[in-house]
Amino acid sequence: MDKSFWIERWANRQIGFHLPDVNPRLAPNVAHLGAPGRVLVPLCGKTVDMQFLAARGFEVEGVEFVPEAAQAFFDEAGVVPERLSRVGSGGQGRLEGLRHGNITIWVGDIFAIGPDQIAPVDAVYDRAALVALEPATRAAYVERLTALTAPGASLLLVTFEHDGAGGPPFSVAAEEAEALLAPSFGARLLERIDVLADNPRFRDRGVTRLCEPVFTGRRV
């Protein structure tokens, strides 16, 4: 993952990927996250999906490596977060975080966070992380999710399938997502929604096919 790309995007406020409202795939499928517990939201940015989950009783553990994005979430919510700091026992460096109520955003690299720093969590909600990663890093990402979740943890994943060149967001075929997640989460496709009409920025890039596959799974 090219961190400098995302840092520059946030610095220049080029965040067309941010949805001002709750992701439309979340509410109809939130039951697949199971009973409210600790839910991991990787590469969370400032998504208001975290507020949606917190309002339903989840303890939200977001992970975001761009500090400005994490701070913006609390600023726009009109709250002043508590500052946190943890050191992993497995040699990981210090992990800084921001917390208010039942929402915590850890400011760090999802690939570098140790299981004793934020895990085990009871669920994972990924609506923007897998599609932000280059193909070569996806298997390592799934390994990290496996390390940060408890057996039986629930998964809700939203990806993109499109016929455009490159990314992010990268196109992740439903078959690839299922193959990546099957060994650890037994993922299965719930639905595939055509969303091209709702995304003019993709059409402007010449994309003619854009779908959002939604998956659920349970950690084995």
Protein backbone atom coordinates (compact mmCIF):
# COMPACT_ATOMS: atom_id res chain seq x y z
CA MET A 1 0.00 0.00 0.00
CA ASP A 2 1.37 3.38 -1.02
CA LYS A 3 1.05 5.37 2.20
CA SER A 4 2.35 8.57 0.64
CA PHE A 5 -0.50 8.46 -1.88
CA TRP A 6 -3.14 8.42 0.86
CA ILE A 7 -1.37 10.99 3.02
CA GLU A 8 -1.26 13.35 0.04
CA ARG A 9 -4.93 12.72 -0.75
CA TRP A 10 -5.97 13.64 2.78
CA ALA A 11 -3.64 16.65 2.88
CA ASN A 12 -5.15 17.98 -0.35
CA ARG A 13 -8.71 17.05 0.65
CA GLN A 14 -8.97 14.75 -2.37
CA ILE A 15 -11.25 12.33 -0.58
CA GLY A 16 -13.98 11.57 -3.06
CA PHE A 17 -13.90 8.02 -1.69
CA HIS A 18 -15.36 9.27 1.61
CA LEU A 19 -19.12 8.81 1.93
CA PRO A 20 -20.87 11.52 3.98
CA ASP A 21 -23.63 9.04 4.84
CA VAL A 22 -23.66 5.47 6.11
CA ASN A 23 -22.65 2.95 3.46
CA PRO A 24 -25.90 1.66 1.92
CA ARG A 25 -24.68 -1.95 2.22
CA LEU A 26 -24.19 -1.74 5.98
CA ALA A 27 -27.68 -1.31 7.43
CA PRO A 28 -29.30 -4.19 5.49
CA ASN A 29 -26.44 -6.53 6.39
CA VAL A 30 -25.37 -5.45 9.87
CA ALA A 31 -26.91 -8.58 11.39
CA HIS A 32 -24.12 -10.57 9.74
CA LEU A 33 -21.70 -8.96 12.20
CA GLY A 34 -23.41 -10.88 14.99
CA ALA A 35 -24.31 -9.65 18.44
CA PRO A 36 -22.71 -6.31 19.36
CA GLY A 37 -19.12 -6.82 20.46
CA ARG A 38 -15.73 -5.42 19.47
CA VAL A 39 -15.67 -4.73 15.73
CA LEU A 40 -12.54 -3.91 13.75
CA VAL A 41 -12.85 -1.34 10.95
CA PRO A 42 -9.54 -1.40 9.03
CA LEU A 43 -8.43 1.62 7.00
CA CYS A 44 -11.41 3.42 8.50
CA GLY A 45 -10.66 7.01 7.47
CA LYS A 46 -13.41 9.15 8.99
CA THR A 47 -16.32 6.95 7.93
CA VAL A 48 -19.61 7.61 9.69
CA ASP A 49 -20.20 3.86 9.52
CA MET A 50 -18.38 3.79 12.86
CA GLN A 51 -21.07 5.99 14.41
CA PHE A 52 -23.74 3.68 13.00
CA LEU A 53 -22.07 0.65 14.57
CA ALA A 54 -21.46 2.39 17.88
CA ALA A 55 -25.12 3.44 18.09
CA ARG A 56 -26.03 -0.24 17.84
CA GLY A 57 -23.87 -1.20 20.78
CA PHE A 58 -20.63 -2.20 19.09
CA GLU A 59 -17.25 -1.28 20.56
CA VAL A 60 -15.61 0.10 17.43
CA GLU A 61 -11.86 -0.33 16.88
CA GLY A 62 -10.89 1.62 13.78
CA VAL A 63 -7.39 1.54 12.31
CA GLU A 64 -6.16 4.44 10.17
CA PHE A 65 -2.54 5.40 9.43
CA VAL A 66 -3.30 9.02 8.39
CA PRO A 67 -3.51 11.06 11.63
CA GLU A 68 -5.51 13.86 9.98
CA ALA A 69 -8.23 11.40 9.00
CA ALA A 70 -8.57 10.03 12.52
CA GLN A 71 -8.72 13.50 14.06
CA ALA A 72 -11.23 14.67 11.44
CA PHE A 73 -13.65 11.94 12.49
CA PHE A 74 -13.90 13.27 16.03
CA ASP A 75 -13.79 16.93 14.98
CA GLU A 76 -16.75 16.43 12.66
CA ALA A 77 -18.60 14.54 15.38
CA GLY A 78 -18.11 17.58 17.63
CA VAL A 79 -16.31 15.70 20.40
CA VAL A 80 -12.88 15.83 22.02
CA PRO A 81 -11.30 12.37 22.15
CA GLU A 82 -9.12 10.90 24.85
CA ARG A 83 -5.58 10.09 23.73
CA LEU A 84 -4.36 6.51 24.18
CA SER A 85 -1.01 4.76 23.89
CA ARG A 86 -0.12 1.07 23.89
CA VAL A 87 3.08 -0.91 23.43
CA GLY A 88 2.83 -4.47 22.16
CA SER A 89 4.56 -7.25 24.05
CA GLY A 90 5.69 -8.87 20.80
CA GLY A 91 8.16 -6.14 19.89
CA GLN A 92 5.70 -3.82 18.21
CA GLY A 93 6.27 -0.11 18.58
CA ARG A 94 4.06 2.30 20.45
CA LEU A 95 0.53 2.55 19.08
CA GLU A 96 -1.30 5.84 19.52
CA GLY A 97 -5.05 6.14 19.49
CA LEU A 98 -8.04 8.44 19.96
CA ARG A 99 -11.16 7.40 21.85
CA HIS A 100 -14.53 8.87 22.64
CA GLY A 101 -17.40 6.76 23.96
CA ASN A 102 -17.30 3.35 22.35
CA ILE A 103 -15.28 4.42 19.30
CA THR A 104 -11.49 4.14 19.21
CA ILE A 105 -9.33 4.93 16.19
CA TRP A 106 -5.81 3.56 16.35
CA VAL A 107 -3.39 5.61 14.29
CA GLY A 108 -1.09 3.05 12.75
CA ASP A 109 -0.37 0.54 10.03
CA ILE A 110 -2.80 -2.39 10.02
CA PHE A 111 0.09 -4.61 8.93
CA ALA A 112 2.22 -3.65 11.94
CA ILE A 113 -0.32 -3.78 14.78
CA GLY A 114 0.16 -6.69 17.16
CA PRO A 115 -2.66 -8.99 18.30
CA ASP A 116 -2.13 -7.95 21.93
CA GLN A 117 -2.63 -4.28 21.08
CA ILE A 118 -6.24 -4.36 19.82
CA ALA A 119 -7.25 -8.01 19.56
CA PRO A 120 -8.99 -10.35 19.65
CA VAL A 121 -12.00 -8.65 18.13
CA ASP A 122 -15.40 -10.25 17.65
CA ALA A 123 -16.10 -8.96 14.15
CA VAL A 124 -14.55 -7.24 11.13
CA TYR A 125 -16.30 -4.71 8.94
CA ASP A 126 -14.33 -3.92 5.77
CA ARG A 127 -15.96 -1.52 3.36
CA ALA A 128 -12.86 0.15 1.92
CA ALA A 129 -9.70 -1.68 2.96
CA LEU A 130 -9.31 -4.68 0.67
CA VAL A 131 -10.12 -2.61 -2.41
CA ALA A 132 -7.45 -0.06 -1.42
CA LEU A 133 -4.70 -2.67 -1.50
CA GLU A 134 -2.60 -3.73 -4.45
CA PRO A 135 -3.14 -7.39 -5.42
CA ALA A 136 0.29 -8.42 -4.08
CA THR A 137 -0.60 -7.35 -0.52
CA ARG A 138 -4.08 -8.85 -0.22
CA ALA A 139 -3.04 -12.25 1.11
CA ALA A 140 -0.94 -10.58 3.82
CA TYR A 141 -3.91 -8.41 4.72
CA VAL A 142 -6.14 -11.45 5.22
CA GLU A 143 -3.41 -13.01 7.37
CA ARG A 144 -3.44 -9.87 9.52
CA LEU A 145 -7.22 -10.02 9.91
CA THR A 146 -6.88 -13.64 10.95
CA ALA A 147 -4.31 -12.69 13.60
CA LEU A 148 -6.49 -9.89 14.98
CA THR A 149 -9.72 -11.88 15.30
CA ALA A 150 -10.96 -14.50 17.71
CA PRO A 151 -12.23 -17.86 16.47
CA GLY A 152 -15.89 -17.46 15.58
CA ALA A 153 -15.50 -13.76 14.74
CA SER A 154 -17.91 -12.47 12.11
CA LEU A 155 -16.96 -10.77 8.85
CA LEU A 156 -18.84 -8.30 6.66
CA LEU A 157 -16.94 -7.25 3.54
CA VAL A 158 -17.91 -4.85 0.75
CA THR A 159 -15.71 -4.74 -2.36
CA PHE A 160 -15.77 -3.31 -5.89
CA GLU A 161 -15.83 -5.05 -9.24
CA HIS A 162 -15.18 -2.73 -12.18
CA ASP A 163 -13.67 -2.75 -15.65
CA GLY A 164 -11.49 0.30 -15.14
CA ALA A 165 -7.72 0.31 -15.17
CA GLY A 166 -5.84 0.13 -11.91
CA GLY A 167 -6.99 1.77 -8.71
CA PRO A 168 -7.55 2.50 -5.93
CA PRO A 169 -10.19 1.43 -5.50
CA PHE A 170 -8.97 -1.73 -7.17
CA SER A 171 -11.35 -4.21 -8.68
CA VAL A 172 -11.56 -7.39 -6.61
CA ALA A 173 -13.45 -10.16 -8.37
CA ALA A 174 -15.95 -11.97 -6.17
CA GLU A 175 -14.19 -15.25 -6.91
CA GLU A 176 -10.86 -13.81 -5.76
CA ALA A 177 -12.34 -12.43 -2.56
CA GLU A 178 -13.95 -15.76 -1.73
CA ALA A 179 -10.71 -17.63 -2.46
CA LEU A 180 -8.69 -15.25 -0.28
CA LEU A 181 -11.07 -15.43 2.66
CA ALA A 182 -12.27 -19.02 2.48
CA PRO A 183 -9.42 -20.63 4.48
CA SER A 184 -9.79 -18.31 7.49
CA PHE A 185 -13.35 -16.99 7.26
CA GLY A 186 -15.28 -19.33 4.97
CA ALA A 187 -16.59 -16.26 3.16
CA ARG A 188 -19.64 -16.45 0.93
CA LEU A 189 -21.24 -13.93 -1.41
CA LEU A 190 -24.45 -12.36 -0.08
CA GLU A 191 -25.32 -10.06 -2.95
CA ARG A 192 -23.83 -8.15 -5.86
CA ILE A 193 -25.29 -4.68 -6.49
CA ASP A 194 -24.89 -2.67 -9.71
CA VAL A 195 -23.87 0.81 -8.55
CA LEU A 196 -22.55 2.42 -11.75
CA ALA A 197 -25.48 4.84 -11.99
CA ASP A 198 -24.70 6.15 -8.50
CA ASN A 199 -21.00 6.80 -9.14
CA PRO A 200 -20.36 9.48 -11.79
CA ARG A 201 -16.68 9.71 -10.85
CA PHE A 202 -16.22 6.16 -12.14
CA ARG A 203 -18.17 6.86 -15.31
CA ASP A 204 -15.99 9.91 -15.88
CA ARG A 205 -12.98 7.57 -15.83
CA GLY A 206 -14.50 5.43 -18.57
CA VAL A 207 -15.78 2.65 -16.33
CA THR A 208 -18.76 0.85 -17.87
CA ARG A 209 -19.30 -1.83 -15.22
CA LEU A 210 -19.29 -1.24 -11.47
CA CYS A 211 -20.70 -3.60 -8.85
CA GLU A 212 -20.45 -3.90 -5.09
CA PRO A 213 -20.26 -7.52 -3.97
CA VAL A 214 -21.07 -8.07 -0.29
CA PHE A 215 -19.65 -11.04 1.62
CA THR A 216 -20.12 -12.56 5.03
CA GLY A 217 -18.02 -15.09 6.86
CA ARG A 218 -17.02 -16.49 10.22
CA ARG A 219 -13.49 -17.00 11.51
CA VAL A 220 -12.62 -20.69 11.72
